[in-house]
């Protein structure tokens, strides 16, 4: 994972370098800022140095001091800005994944155990609707129906100290981003679980278990356990997908997460903030895959043997 992160840091840095202009470009059309002042700003921010030198300094600061750079827009260290939004980002992402699995897995199992029945067709129809509707559009529909403007708190609780009333207000708001962000993933997971179950139900070992007189309830337990293995691999990719794939939705719902923050940094050419966000997504992806491999080894003895 460590060598991979170095490779990813190199790619992230030079991809952001390919973006036209830099943070100082916004001052070029300002008649109040002279060329000399622009050069002074570049020198102060270190943008006058060659790209390879800036990359080397950035990596050295990360390795030696845990410093991911300086935000040009906010005039603060990137690390402190990221941590301010990390709590809500991770909390909403984990709650969304939990919601998806709690709903998708039982529905996928039920659909597979009743194939080509009316309920199966209805669940399939709902799943395709969930996959087809863009998250941000579903967010706009829910906001219109509920008469809210998004966010996680009502206006009177923003910035207020934590009380039971504020916690209750949070729960009356947080269901919307969880439902909106989780809808498409839930529908996809349900279809995958249904397909895995149908494939496993037709496997030779299932016929062998039934031929030996094993009760159908125990047979289904073995089927579900084997059908869950591919789902665990998918789970390793869910967390980074939620982070990177819901930026527009987070902007529409006015969420205090890293998505809108990243978009703003990208538009403002806030290079180190953009790179740190991309590095964070890469790290979460690797951690998710590692955890998925460990869980697969726990669930499937064949993987431990191999």
Foldseek 3Di string as FASTA:
>chain_A
DVVVLVVLLVVLLVVLVPPPDALLVVCPPPPVADPVNSVVVCVVQVVVDDSVVVSVVQVVCCVPPVFLGAFPVVRGGLVVVQVVFVVLLVVLLVLLVVVLCVPQQVLLLVLLVVDPDPSVVVLLVQLVVLQPDQLQVVLVVVCVVVVHQAEQADPVPVVPDDDPVGVVRNVVRSVSSSCSLNRNVSSVSNVLLNVQLNVLCPDPVLVVCVVVPPDPVVSVVVSSLRSCLVVLQVQLLSSLCSVAVCLSNCVRNVYSHCSVVLVVCSVSNRSSNVSVSSSVSVVSSVVSNVVSLVVSVVSDVVSVVD
